[in-house]
């Protein structure tokens, strides 16, 4: 009979809320903004981002901009950046991968 910690549910943010959040945070380098983005996407606060977390917060953006299926895109991003092969991204994998991919850098750190 242990104390079981329930996983939090994802809160869906609108594109307007995400843009407002990004506009009101002032970063001077990619690393800081990508670290902030990682913490934002880490819904379960376990130091990792999985496909569900990435889709929950980013899915709506792709739906509205006409990109292909957001669940597929989340899986592609995970596969592309996942160095360890665990189908999750740690902060280092996320930051390093986004820094080397101009498309992802624009999505996750557009204001730097």
PDB file of N, CA and C in Angstrom:
ATOM      1  N   UNK A   1       0.831  -1.169   0.000  1.00  0.00           N
ATOM      2  CA  UNK A   1       0.000   0.000   0.000  1.00  0.00           C
ATOM      3  C   UNK A   1       0.881   1.240   0.000  1.00  0.00           C
ATOM      4  N   UNK A   2       1.488   1.456  -1.096  1.00  0.00           N
ATOM      5  CA  UNK A   2       2.367   2.609  -1.216  1.00  0.00           C
ATOM      6  C   UNK A   2       1.614   3.838  -1.673  1.00  0.00           C
ATOM      7  N   UNK A   3       2.282   4.908  -1.607  1.00  0.00           N
ATOM      8  CA  UNK A   3       1.726   6.170  -2.062  1.00  0.00           C
ATOM      9  C   UNK A   3       1.954   6.258  -3.561  1.00  0.00           C
ATOM     10  N   UNK A   4       0.913   6.053  -4.334  1.00  0.00           N
ATOM     11  CA  UNK A   4       1.024   6.060  -5.787  1.00  0.00           C
ATOM     12  C   UNK A   4       0.798   7.471  -6.304  1.00  0.00           C
ATOM     13  N   UNK A   5       1.763   7.967  -7.019  1.00  0.00           N
ATOM     14  CA  UNK A   5       1.669   9.312  -7.583  1.00  0.00           C
ATOM     15  C   UNK A   5       0.981   9.228  -8.940  1.00  0.00           C
ATOM     16  N   UNK A   6      -0.144   9.896  -9.068  1.00  0.00           N
ATOM     17  CA  UNK A   6      -0.885   9.894 -10.334  1.00  0.00           C
ATOM     18  C   UNK A   6      -0.169  10.774 -11.345  1.00  0.00           C
ATOM     19  N   UNK A   7      -0.163  10.316 -12.595  1.00  0.00           N
ATOM     20  CA  UNK A   7       0.422  11.118 -13.660  1.00  0.00           C
ATOM     21  C   UNK A   7      -0.523  12.262 -13.989  1.00  0.00           C
ATOM     22  N   UNK A   8       0.006  13.457 -14.157  1.00  0.00           N
ATOM     23  CA  UNK A   8      -0.856  14.573 -14.534  1.00  0.00           C
ATOM     24  C   UNK A   8      -1.360  14.407 -15.960  1.00  0.00           C
ATOM     25  N   UNK A   9      -2.494  14.976 -16.218  1.00  0.00           N
ATOM     26  CA  UNK A   9      -3.013  14.945 -17.583  1.00  0.00           C
ATOM     27  C   UNK A   9      -2.485  16.161 -18.324  1.00  0.00           C
ATOM     28  N   UNK A  10      -2.396  16.038 -19.619  1.00  0.00           N
ATOM     29  CA  UNK A  10      -1.892  17.132 -20.449  1.00  0.00           C
ATOM     30  C   UNK A  10      -2.921  18.246 -20.512  1.00  0.00           C
ATOM     31  N   UNK A  11      -2.431  19.450 -20.505  1.00  0.00           N
ATOM     32  CA  UNK A  11      -3.277  20.610 -20.701  1.00  0.00           C
ATOM     33  C   UNK A  11      -3.071  21.071 -22.125  1.00  0.00           C
ATOM     34  N   UNK A  12      -4.136  21.170 -22.877  1.00  0.00           N
ATOM     35  CA  UNK A  12      -4.004  21.580 -24.269  1.00  0.00           C
ATOM     36  C   UNK A  12      -3.898  23.097 -24.341  1.00  0.00           C
ATOM     37  N   UNK A  13      -2.833  23.547 -24.948  1.00  0.00           N
ATOM     38  CA  UNK A  13      -2.634  24.973 -25.153  1.00  0.00           C
ATOM     39  C   UNK A  13      -3.014  25.328 -26.579  1.00  0.00           C
ATOM     40  N   UNK A  14      -3.602  26.481 -26.738  1.00  0.00           N
ATOM     41  CA  UNK A  14      -3.925  26.941 -28.081  1.00  0.00           C
ATOM     42  C   UNK A  14      -2.671  27.546 -28.705  1.00  0.00           C
ATOM     43  N   UNK A  15      -2.679  27.674 -30.008  1.00  0.00           N
ATOM     44  CA  UNK A  15      -1.557  28.302 -30.698  1.00  0.00           C
ATOM     45  C   UNK A  15      -1.349  29.723 -30.176  1.00  0.00           C
ATOM     46  N   UNK A  16      -2.418  30.431 -29.915  1.00  0.00           N
ATOM     47  CA  UNK A  16      -2.321  31.794 -29.395  1.00  0.00           C
ATOM     48  C   UNK A  16      -1.632  31.802 -28.023  1.00  0.00           C
ATOM     49  N   UNK A  17      -1.970  30.850 -27.147  1.00  0.00           N
ATOM     50  CA  UNK A  17      -1.342  30.783 -25.835  1.00  0.00           C
ATOM     51  C   UNK A  17       0.142  30.449 -25.944  1.00  0.00           C
ATOM     52  N   UNK A  18       0.478  29.534 -26.833  1.00  0.00           N
ATOM     53  CA  UNK A  18       1.884  29.166 -27.020  1.00  0.00           C
ATOM     54  C   UNK A  18       2.673  30.358 -27.545  1.00  0.00           C
ATOM     55  N   UNK A  19       2.126  31.068 -28.523  1.00  0.00           N
ATOM     56  CA  UNK A  19       2.815  32.243 -29.072  1.00  0.00           C
ATOM     57  C   UNK A  19       2.951  33.343 -28.034  1.00  0.00           C
ATOM     58  N   UNK A  20       1.935  33.532 -27.192  1.00  0.00           N
ATOM     59  CA  UNK A  20       1.996  34.530 -26.129  1.00  0.00           C
ATOM     60  C   UNK A  20       3.092  34.169 -25.126  1.00  0.00           C
ATOM     61  N   UNK A  21       3.165  32.898 -24.771  1.00  0.00           N
ATOM     62  CA  UNK A  21       4.200  32.435 -23.856  1.00  0.00           C
ATOM     63  C   UNK A  21       5.585  32.660 -24.450  1.00  0.00           C
ATOM     64  N   UNK A  22       5.748  32.303 -25.712  1.00  0.00           N
ATOM     65  CA  UNK A  22       7.043  32.494 -26.374  1.00  0.00           C
ATOM     66  C   UNK A  22       7.412  33.973 -26.474  1.00  0.00           C
ATOM     67  N   UNK A  23       6.432  34.812 -26.772  1.00  0.00           N
ATOM     68  CA  UNK A  23       6.695  36.240 -26.946  1.00  0.00           C
ATOM     69  C   UNK A  23       7.075  36.912 -25.629  1.00  0.00           C
ATOM     70  N   UNK A  24       6.620  36.361 -24.529  1.00  0.00           N
ATOM     71  CA  UNK A  24       6.872  36.974 -23.229  1.00  0.00           C
ATOM     72  C   UNK A  24       8.016  36.326 -22.461  1.00  0.00           C
ATOM     73  N   UNK A  25       8.786  35.528 -23.131  1.00  0.00           N
ATOM     74  CA  UNK A  25       9.995  34.974 -22.532  1.00  0.00           C
ATOM     75  C   UNK A  25      11.165  35.459 -23.374  1.00  0.00           C
ATOM     76  N   UNK A  26      12.138  36.036 -22.731  1.00  0.00           N
ATOM     77  CA  UNK A  26      13.260  36.641 -23.436  1.00  0.00           C
ATOM     78  C   UNK A  26      14.507  35.776 -23.262  1.00  0.00           C
ATOM     79  N   UNK A  27      14.934  35.152 -24.344  1.00  0.00           N
ATOM     80  CA  UNK A  27      16.120  34.311 -24.313  1.00  0.00           C
ATOM     81  C   UNK A  27      17.152  34.894 -25.263  1.00  0.00           C
ATOM     82  N   UNK A  28      18.418  34.725 -24.897  1.00  0.00           N
ATOM     83  CA  UNK A  28      19.477  35.250 -25.745  1.00  0.00           C
ATOM     84  C   UNK A  28      20.238  34.163 -26.489  1.00  0.00           C
ATOM     85  N   UNK A  29      19.981  32.893 -26.168  1.00  0.00           N
ATOM     86  CA  UNK A  29      20.618  31.844 -26.957  1.00  0.00           C
ATOM     87  C   UNK A  29      19.693  30.641 -27.100  1.00  0.00           C
ATOM     88  N   UNK A  30      20.003  29.818 -28.100  1.00  0.00           N
ATOM     89  CA  UNK A  30      19.169  28.660 -28.407  1.00  0.00           C
ATOM     90  C   UNK A  30      19.096  27.685 -27.241  1.00  0.00           C
ATOM     91  N   UNK A  31      20.212  27.461 -26.579  1.00  0.00           N
ATOM     92  CA  UNK A  31      20.247  26.497 -25.486  1.00  0.00           C
ATOM     93  C   UNK A  31      19.249  26.822 -24.394  1.00  0.00           C
ATOM     94  N   UNK A  32      19.190  28.103 -24.000  1.00  0.00           N
ATOM     95  CA  UNK A  32      18.249  28.511 -22.954  1.00  0.00           C
ATOM     96  C   UNK A  32      16.806  28.330 -23.401  1.00  0.00           C
ATOM     97  N   UNK A  33      16.500  28.755 -24.621  1.00  0.00           N
ATOM     98  CA  UNK A  33      15.124  28.637 -25.093  1.00  0.00           C
ATOM     99  C   UNK A  33      14.741  27.173 -25.296  1.00  0.00           C
ATOM    100  N   UNK A  34      15.658  26.364 -25.800  1.00  0.00           N
ATOM    101  CA  UNK A  34      15.365  24.945 -25.988  1.00  0.00           C
ATOM    102  C   UNK A  34      15.210  24.234 -24.648  1.00  0.00           C
ATOM    103  N   UNK A  35      15.978  24.639 -23.648  1.00  0.00           N
ATOM    104  CA  UNK A  35      15.824  24.075 -22.307  1.00  0.00           C
ATOM    105  C   UNK A  35      14.444  24.415 -21.751  1.00  0.00           C
ATOM    106  N   UNK A  36      14.018  25.651 -21.953  1.00  0.00           N
ATOM    107  CA  UNK A  36      12.683  26.080 -21.533  1.00  0.00           C
ATOM    108  C   UNK A  36      11.611  25.282 -22.270  1.00  0.00           C
ATOM    109  N   UNK A  37      11.780  25.119 -23.585  1.00  0.00           N
ATOM    110  CA  UNK A  37      10.812  24.356 -24.381  1.00  0.00           C
ATOM    111  C   UNK A  37      10.738  22.914 -23.885  1.00  0.00           C
ATOM    112  N   UNK A  38      11.893  22.312 -23.589  1.00  0.00           N
ATOM    113  CA  UNK A  38      11.898  20.941 -23.078  1.00  0.00           C
ATOM    114  C   UNK A  38      11.077  20.852 -21.797  1.00  0.00           C
ATOM    115  N   UNK A  39      11.315  21.768 -20.872  1.00  0.00           N
ATOM    116  CA  UNK A  39      10.581  21.751 -19.600  1.00  0.00           C
ATOM    117  C   UNK A  39       9.085  21.931 -19.822  1.00  0.00           C
ATOM    118  N   UNK A  40       8.713  22.731 -20.802  1.00  0.00           N
ATOM    119  CA  UNK A  40       7.304  22.936 -21.130  1.00  0.00           C
ATOM    120  C   UNK A  40       6.676  21.650 -21.663  1.00  0.00           C
ATOM    121  N   UNK A  41       7.391  20.930 -22.509  1.00  0.00           N
ATOM    122  CA  UNK A  41       6.870  19.706 -23.117  1.00  0.00           C
ATOM    123  C   UNK A  41       6.927  18.505 -22.178  1.00  0.00           C
ATOM    124  N   UNK A  42       7.747  18.561 -21.155  1.00  0.00           N
ATOM    125  CA  UNK A  42       7.883  17.455 -20.201  1.00  0.00           C
ATOM    126  C   UNK A  42       6.698  17.469 -19.230  1.00  0.00           C
ATOM    127  N   UNK A  43       5.531  17.110 -19.743  1.00  0.00           N
ATOM    128  CA  UNK A  43       4.275  17.169 -18.992  1.00  0.00           C
ATOM    129  C   UNK A  43       4.342  16.330 -17.718  1.00  0.00           C
ATOM    130  N   UNK A  44       4.929  15.146 -17.802  1.00  0.00           N
ATOM    131  CA  UNK A  44       4.951  14.227 -16.663  1.00  0.00           C
ATOM    132  C   UNK A  44       6.080  14.537 -15.683  1.00  0.00           C
ATOM    133  N   UNK A  45       6.876  15.552 -15.987  1.00  0.00           N
ATOM    134  CA  UNK A  45       7.950  16.023 -15.112  1.00  0.00           C
ATOM    135  C   UNK A  45       8.894  14.892 -14.693  1.00  0.00           C
ATOM    136  N   UNK A  46       9.242  14.049 -15.686  1.00  0.00           N
ATOM    137  CA  UNK A  46      10.133  12.927 -15.409  1.00  0.00           C
ATOM    138  C   UNK A  46      11.493  13.086 -16.085  1.00  0.00           C
ATOM    139  N   UNK A  47      11.736  14.261 -16.666  1.00  0.00           N
ATOM    140  CA  UNK A  47      13.011  14.504 -17.329  1.00  0.00           C
ATOM    141  C   UNK A  47      13.107  13.915 -18.718  1.00  0.00           C
ATOM    142  N   UNK A  48      11.972  13.458 -19.255  1.00  0.00           N
ATOM    143  CA  UNK A  48      11.930  12.860 -20.586  1.00  0.00           C
ATOM    144  C   UNK A  48      10.702  13.362 -21.331  1.00  0.00           C
ATOM    145  N   UNK A  49      10.807  13.418 -22.653  1.00  0.00           N
ATOM    146  CA  UNK A  49       9.653  13.729 -23.500  1.00  0.00           C
ATOM    147  C   UNK A  49       9.389  12.504 -24.350  1.00  0.00           C
ATOM    148  N   UNK A  50       8.148  12.013 -24.295  1.00  0.00           N
ATOM    149  CA  UNK A  50       7.782  10.891 -25.158  1.00  0.00           C
ATOM    150  C   UNK A  50       6.862  11.395 -26.269  1.00  0.00           C
ATOM    151  N   UNK A  51       6.461  10.495 -27.134  1.00  0.00           N
ATOM    152  CA  UNK A  51       5.649  10.877 -28.290  1.00  0.00           C
ATOM    153  C   UNK A  51       4.329  11.515 -27.868  1.00  0.00           C
ATOM    154  N   UNK A  52       3.705  10.991 -26.817  1.00  0.00           N
ATOM    155  CA  UNK A  52       2.429  11.530 -26.347  1.00  0.00           C
ATOM    156  C   UNK A  52       2.581  12.971 -25.890  1.00  0.00           C
ATOM    157  N   UNK A  53       3.619  13.248 -25.106  1.00  0.00           N
ATOM    158  CA  UNK A  53       3.836  14.607 -24.619  1.00  0.00           C
ATOM    159  C   UNK A  53       4.092  15.568 -25.776  1.00  0.00           C
ATOM    160  N   UNK A  54       4.909  15.146 -26.718  1.00  0.00           N
ATOM    161  CA  UNK A  54       5.227  15.993 -27.868  1.00  0.00           C
ATOM    162  C   UNK A  54       3.976  16.273 -28.686  1.00  0.00           C
ATOM    163  N   UNK A  55       3.163  15.253 -28.901  1.00  0.00           N
ATOM    164  CA  UNK A  55       1.930  15.423 -29.666  1.00  0.00           C
ATOM    165  C   UNK A  55       0.935  16.312 -28.928  1.00  0.00           C
ATOM    166  N   UNK A  56       0.759  16.086 -27.631  1.00  0.00           N
ATOM    167  CA  UNK A  56      -0.240  16.828 -26.863  1.00  0.00           C
ATOM    168  C   UNK A  56      -0.028  18.338 -26.964  1.00  0.00           C
ATOM    169  N   UNK A  57       1.205  18.788 -26.874  1.00  0.00           N
ATOM    170  CA  UNK A  57       1.461  20.223 -26.913  1.00  0.00           C
ATOM    171  C   UNK A  57       1.714  20.762 -28.305  1.00  0.00           C
ATOM    172  N   UNK A  58       2.189  19.934 -29.207  1.00  0.00           N
ATOM    173  CA  UNK A  58       2.559  20.423 -30.531  1.00  0.00           C
ATOM    174  C   UNK A  58       1.561  20.039 -31.608  1.00  0.00           C
ATOM    175  N   UNK A  59       0.692  19.083 -31.339  1.00  0.00           N
ATOM    176  CA  UNK A  59      -0.238  18.581 -32.342  1.00  0.00           C
ATOM    177  C   UNK A  59      -1.126  19.636 -32.948  1.00  0.00           C
ATOM    178  N   UNK A  60      -1.640  20.508 -32.114  1.00  0.00           N
ATOM    179  CA  UNK A  60      -2.539  21.538 -32.610  1.00  0.00           C
ATOM    180  C   UNK A  60      -1.885  22.500 -33.575  1.00  0.00           C
ATOM    181  N   UNK A  61      -0.620  22.769 -33.379  1.00  0.00           N
ATOM    182  CA  UNK A  61       0.088  23.679 -34.276  1.00  0.00           C
ATOM    183  C   UNK A  61       0.146  23.089 -35.680  1.00  0.00           C
ATOM    184  N   UNK A  62       0.515  21.818 -35.780  1.00  0.00           N
ATOM    185  CA  UNK A  62       0.620  21.181 -37.092  1.00  0.00           C
ATOM    186  C   UNK A  62      -0.742  21.040 -37.749  1.00  0.00           C
ATOM    187  N   UNK A  63      -1.783  20.767 -36.959  1.00  0.00           N
ATOM    188  CA  UNK A  63      -3.127  20.676 -37.523  1.00  0.00           C
ATOM    189  C   UNK A  63      -3.519  21.994 -38.175  1.00  0.00           C
ATOM    190  N   UNK A  64      -3.209  23.095 -37.533  1.00  0.00           N
ATOM    191  CA  UNK A  64      -3.632  24.401 -38.023  1.00  0.00           C
ATOM    192  C   UNK A  64      -2.790  24.892 -39.200  1.00  0.00           C
ATOM    193  N   UNK A  65      -1.558  24.446 -39.294  1.00  0.00           N
ATOM    194  CA  UNK A  65      -0.698  24.950 -40.362  1.00  0.00           C
ATOM    195  C   UNK A  65      -0.681  24.051 -41.584  1.00  0.00           C
ATOM    196  N   UNK A  66      -1.417  22.947 -41.544  1.00  0.00           N
ATOM    197  CA  UNK A  66      -1.531  22.095 -42.717  1.00  0.00           C
ATOM    198  C   UNK A  66      -0.440  21.055 -42.868  1.00  0.00           C
ATOM    199  N   UNK A  67       0.464  20.943 -41.879  1.00  0.00           N
ATOM    200  CA  UNK A  67       1.479  19.896 -41.944  1.00  0.00           C
ATOM    201  C   UNK A  67       0.805  18.538 -41.849  1.00  0.00           C
ATOM    202  N   UNK A  68       1.544  17.490 -42.208  1.00  0.00           N
ATOM    203  CA  UNK A  68       0.951  16.156 -42.165  1.00  0.00           C
ATOM    204  C   UNK A  68       0.624  15.737 -40.733  1.00  0.00           C
ATOM    205  N   UNK A  69       0.040  14.587 -40.584  1.00  0.00           N
ATOM    206  CA  UNK A  69      -0.487  14.080 -39.323  1.00  0.00           C
ATOM    207  C   UNK A  69       0.431  14.397 -38.135  1.00  0.00           C
ATOM    208  N   UNK A  70      -0.078  15.107 -37.123  1.00  0.00           N
ATOM    209  CA  UNK A  70       0.762  15.511 -35.998  1.00  0.00           C
ATOM    210  C   UNK A  70       1.281  14.337 -35.168  1.00  0.00           C
ATOM    211  N   UNK A  71       0.530  13.244 -35.079  1.00  0.00           N
ATOM    212  CA  UNK A  71       1.027  12.071 -34.346  1.00  0.00           C
ATOM    213  C   UNK A  71       2.216  11.461 -35.082  1.00  0.00           C
ATOM    214  N   UNK A  72       2.116  11.415 -36.408  1.00  0.00           N
ATOM    215  CA  UNK A  72       3.221  10.898 -37.215  1.00  0.00           C
ATOM    216  C   UNK A  72       4.430  11.810 -37.082  1.00  0.00           C
ATOM    217  N   UNK A  73       4.204  13.109 -37.119  1.00  0.00           N
ATOM    218  CA  UNK A  73       5.312  14.075 -37.001  1.00  0.00           C
ATOM    219  C   UNK A  73       5.993  13.949 -35.642  1.00  0.00           C
ATOM    220  N   UNK A  74       5.208  13.779 -34.569  1.00  0.00           N
ATOM    221  CA  UNK A  74       5.794  13.600 -33.237  1.00  0.00           C
ATOM    222  C   UNK A  74       6.673  12.353 -33.207  1.00  0.00           C
ATOM    223  N   UNK A  75       6.198  11.266 -33.816  1.00  0.00           N
ATOM    224  CA  UNK A  75       6.984  10.024 -33.871  1.00  0.00           C
ATOM    225  C   UNK A  75       8.272  10.233 -34.664  1.00  0.00           C
ATOM    226  N   UNK A  76       8.193  10.990 -35.761  1.00  0.00           N
ATOM    227  CA  UNK A  76       9.377  11.263 -36.578  1.00  0.00           C
ATOM    228  C   UNK A  76      10.406  12.090 -35.805  1.00  0.00           C
ATOM    229  N   UNK A  77       9.932  13.076 -35.051  1.00  0.00           N
ATOM    230  CA  UNK A  77      10.843  13.913 -34.266  1.00  0.00           C
ATOM    231  C   UNK A  77      11.543  13.068 -33.212  1.00  0.00           C
ATOM    232  N   UNK A  78      10.774  12.239 -32.503  1.00  0.00           N
ATOM    233  CA  UNK A  78      11.365  11.362 -31.487  1.00  0.00           C
ATOM    234  C   UNK A  78      12.412  10.454 -32.135  1.00  0.00           C
ATOM    235  N   UNK A  79      12.047   9.802 -33.238  1.00  0.00           N
ATOM    236  CA  UNK A  79      12.971   8.878 -33.912  1.00  0.00           C
ATOM    237  C   UNK A  79      14.236   9.595 -34.379  1.00  0.00           C
ATOM    238  N   UNK A  80      14.090  10.813 -34.849  1.00  0.00           N
ATOM    239  CA  UNK A  80      15.216  11.576 -35.370  1.00  0.00           C
ATOM    240  C   UNK A  80      16.202  11.997 -34.275  1.00  0.00           C
ATOM    241  N   UNK A  81      15.689  12.353 -33.103  1.00  0.00           N
ATOM    242  CA  UNK A  81      16.538  12.902 -32.048  1.00  0.00           C
ATOM    243  C   UNK A  81      16.947  11.892 -30.983  1.00  0.00           C
ATOM    244  N   UNK A  82      16.289  10.741 -30.936  1.00  0.00           N
ATOM    245  CA  UNK A  82      16.502   9.750 -29.879  1.00  0.00           C
ATOM    246  C   UNK A  82      17.804   8.978 -30.090  1.00  0.00           C
ATOM    247  N   UNK A  83      18.856   9.420 -29.439  1.00  0.00           N
ATOM    248  CA  UNK A  83      20.167   8.791 -29.567  1.00  0.00           C
ATOM    249  C   UNK A  83      20.218   7.472 -28.793  1.00  0.00           C
ATOM    250  N   UNK A  84      19.563   7.413 -27.639  1.00  0.00           N
ATOM    251  CA  UNK A  84      19.654   6.237 -26.767  1.00  0.00           C
ATOM    252  C   UNK A  84      18.780   5.072 -27.221  1.00  0.00           C
ATOM    253  N   UNK A  85      17.793   5.333 -28.082  1.00  0.00           N
ATOM    254  CA  UNK A  85      16.931   4.270 -28.582  1.00  0.00           C
ATOM    255  C   UNK A  85      15.791   3.879 -27.665  1.00  0.00           C
ATOM    256  N   UNK A  86      15.492   4.703 -26.655  1.00  0.00           N
ATOM    257  CA  UNK A  86      14.419   4.361 -25.718  1.00  0.00           C
ATOM    258  C   UNK A  86      13.059   4.954 -26.095  1.00  0.00           C
ATOM    259  N   UNK A  87      12.986   5.581 -27.266  1.00  0.00           N
ATOM    260  CA  UNK A  87      11.765   6.206 -27.781  1.00  0.00           C
ATOM    261  C   UNK A  87      11.279   7.358 -26.904  1.00  0.00           C
ATOM    262  N   UNK A  88      12.229   7.967 -26.207  1.00  0.00           N
ATOM    263  CA  UNK A  88      11.978   9.154 -25.400  1.00  0.00           C
ATOM    264  C   UNK A  88      13.178  10.071 -25.568  1.00  0.00           C
ATOM    265  N   UNK A  89      12.960  11.349 -25.305  1.00  0.00           N
ATOM    266  CA  UNK A  89      14.059  12.302 -25.410  1.00  0.00           C
ATOM    267  C   UNK A  89      14.419  12.836 -24.034  1.00  0.00           C
ATOM    268  N   UNK A  90      15.702  12.733 -23.679  1.00  0.00           N
ATOM    269  CA  UNK A  90      16.172  13.432 -22.496  1.00  0.00           C
ATOM    270  C   UNK A  90      16.484  14.869 -22.938  1.00  0.00           C
ATOM    271  N   UNK A  91      16.740  15.726 -21.982  1.00  0.00           N
ATOM    272  CA  UNK A  91      16.974  17.135 -22.306  1.00  0.00           C
ATOM    273  C   UNK A  91      18.168  17.306 -23.240  1.00  0.00           C
ATOM    274  N   UNK A  92      19.223  16.541 -23.021  1.00  0.00           N
ATOM    275  CA  UNK A  92      20.422  16.674 -23.855  1.00  0.00           C
ATOM    276  C   UNK A  92      20.135  16.277 -25.304  1.00  0.00           C
ATOM    277  N   UNK A  93      19.394  15.169 -25.498  1.00  0.00           N
ATOM    278  CA  UNK A  93      19.046  14.737 -26.856  1.00  0.00           C
ATOM    279  C   UNK A  93      18.191  15.796 -27.545  1.00  0.00           C
ATOM    280  N   UNK A  94      17.230  16.338 -26.808  1.00  0.00           N
ATOM    281  CA  UNK A  94      16.328  17.343 -27.361  1.00  0.00           C
ATOM    282  C   UNK A  94      17.093  18.591 -27.794  1.00  0.00           C
ATOM    283  N   UNK A  95      17.903  19.127 -26.899  1.00  0.00           N
ATOM    284  CA  UNK A  95      18.631  20.363 -27.198  1.00  0.00           C
ATOM    285  C   UNK A  95      19.634  20.150 -28.329  1.00  0.00           C
ATOM    286  N   UNK A  96      20.414  19.102 -28.248  1.00  0.00           N
ATOM    287  CA  UNK A  96      21.414  18.823 -29.282  1.00  0.00           C
ATOM    288  C   UNK A  96      20.762  18.613 -30.645  1.00  0.00           C
ATOM    289  N   UNK A  97      19.689  17.826 -30.675  1.00  0.00           N
ATOM    290  CA  UNK A  97      18.999  17.550 -31.936  1.00  0.00           C
ATOM    291  C   UNK A  97      18.369  18.785 -32.541  1.00  0.00           C
ATOM    292  N   UNK A  98      17.737  19.594 -31.701  1.00  0.00           N
ATOM    293  CA  UNK A  98      17.095  20.811 -32.209  1.00  0.00           C
ATOM    294  C   UNK A  98      18.120  21.820 -32.709  1.00  0.00           C
ATOM    295  N   UNK A  99      19.260  21.902 -32.046  1.00  0.00           N
ATOM    296  CA  UNK A  99      20.305  22.823 -32.497  1.00  0.00           C
ATOM    297  C   UNK A  99      20.829  22.450 -33.877  1.00  0.00           C
ATOM    298  N   UNK A 100      20.824  21.160 -34.198  1.00  0.00           N
ATOM    299  CA  UNK A 100      21.373  20.727 -35.482  1.00  0.00           C
ATOM    300  C   UNK A 100      20.326  20.631 -36.590  1.00  0.00           C
ATOM    301  N   UNK A 101      19.070  20.896 -36.280  1.00  0.00           N
ATOM    302  CA  UNK A 101      17.994  20.801 -37.272  1.00  0.00           C
ATOM    303  C   UNK A 101      17.287  22.152 -37.382  1.00  0.00           C
ATOM    304  N   UNK A 102      17.507  22.896 -38.475  1.00  0.00           N
ATOM    305  CA  UNK A 102      16.921  24.231 -38.608  1.00  0.00           C
ATOM    306  C   UNK A 102      15.394  24.247 -38.491  1.00  0.00           C
ATOM    307  N   UNK A 103      14.725  23.232 -39.016  1.00  0.00           N
ATOM    308  CA  UNK A 103      13.259  23.171 -38.936  1.00  0.00           C
ATOM    309  C   UNK A 103      12.804  23.057 -37.479  1.00  0.00           C
ATOM    310  N   UNK A 104      13.420  22.157 -36.723  1.00  0.00           N
ATOM    311  CA  UNK A 104      13.042  21.980 -35.318  1.00  0.00           C
ATOM    312  C   UNK A 104      13.435  23.191 -34.487  1.00  0.00           C
ATOM    313  N   UNK A 105      14.582  23.780 -34.806  1.00  0.00           N
ATOM    314  CA  UNK A 105      15.008  24.982 -34.089  1.00  0.00           C
ATOM    315  C   UNK A 105      13.978  26.091 -34.267  1.00  0.00           C
ATOM    316  N   UNK A 106      13.427  26.223 -35.460  1.00  0.00           N
ATOM    317  CA  UNK A 106      12.412  27.251 -35.721  1.00  0.00           C
ATOM    318  C   UNK A 106      11.120  26.960 -34.963  1.00  0.00           C
ATOM    319  N   UNK A 107      10.769  25.692 -34.821  1.00  0.00           N
ATOM    320  CA  UNK A 107       9.558  25.331 -34.075  1.00  0.00           C
ATOM    321  C   UNK A 107       9.731  25.604 -32.587  1.00  0.00           C
ATOM    322  N   UNK A 108      10.847  25.147 -32.020  1.00  0.00           N
ATOM    323  CA  UNK A 108      11.017  25.166 -30.571  1.00  0.00           C
ATOM    324  C   UNK A 108      11.772  26.378 -30.037  1.00  0.00           C
ATOM    325  N   UNK A 109      12.490  27.099 -30.879  1.00  0.00           N
ATOM    326  CA  UNK A 109      13.230  28.279 -30.430  1.00  0.00           C
ATOM    327  C   UNK A 109      13.153  29.368 -31.495  1.00  0.00           C
ATOM    328  N   UNK A 110      11.950  29.836 -31.809  1.00  0.00           N
ATOM    329  CA  UNK A 110      11.785  30.758 -32.932  1.00  0.00           C
ATOM    330  C   UNK A 110      12.242  32.187 -32.668  1.00  0.00           C
ATOM    331  N   UNK A 111      12.372  32.584 -31.427  1.00  0.00           N
ATOM    332  CA  UNK A 111      12.633  33.994 -31.131  1.00  0.00           C
ATOM    333  C   UNK A 111      14.091  34.335 -30.891  1.00  0.00           C
ATOM    334  N   UNK A 112      14.983  33.368 -31.058  1.00  0.00           N
ATOM    335  CA  UNK A 112      16.398  33.644 -30.768  1.00  0.00           C
ATOM    336  C   UNK A 112      17.125  33.952 -32.054  1.00  0.00           C
TER     337      UNK A 112
END
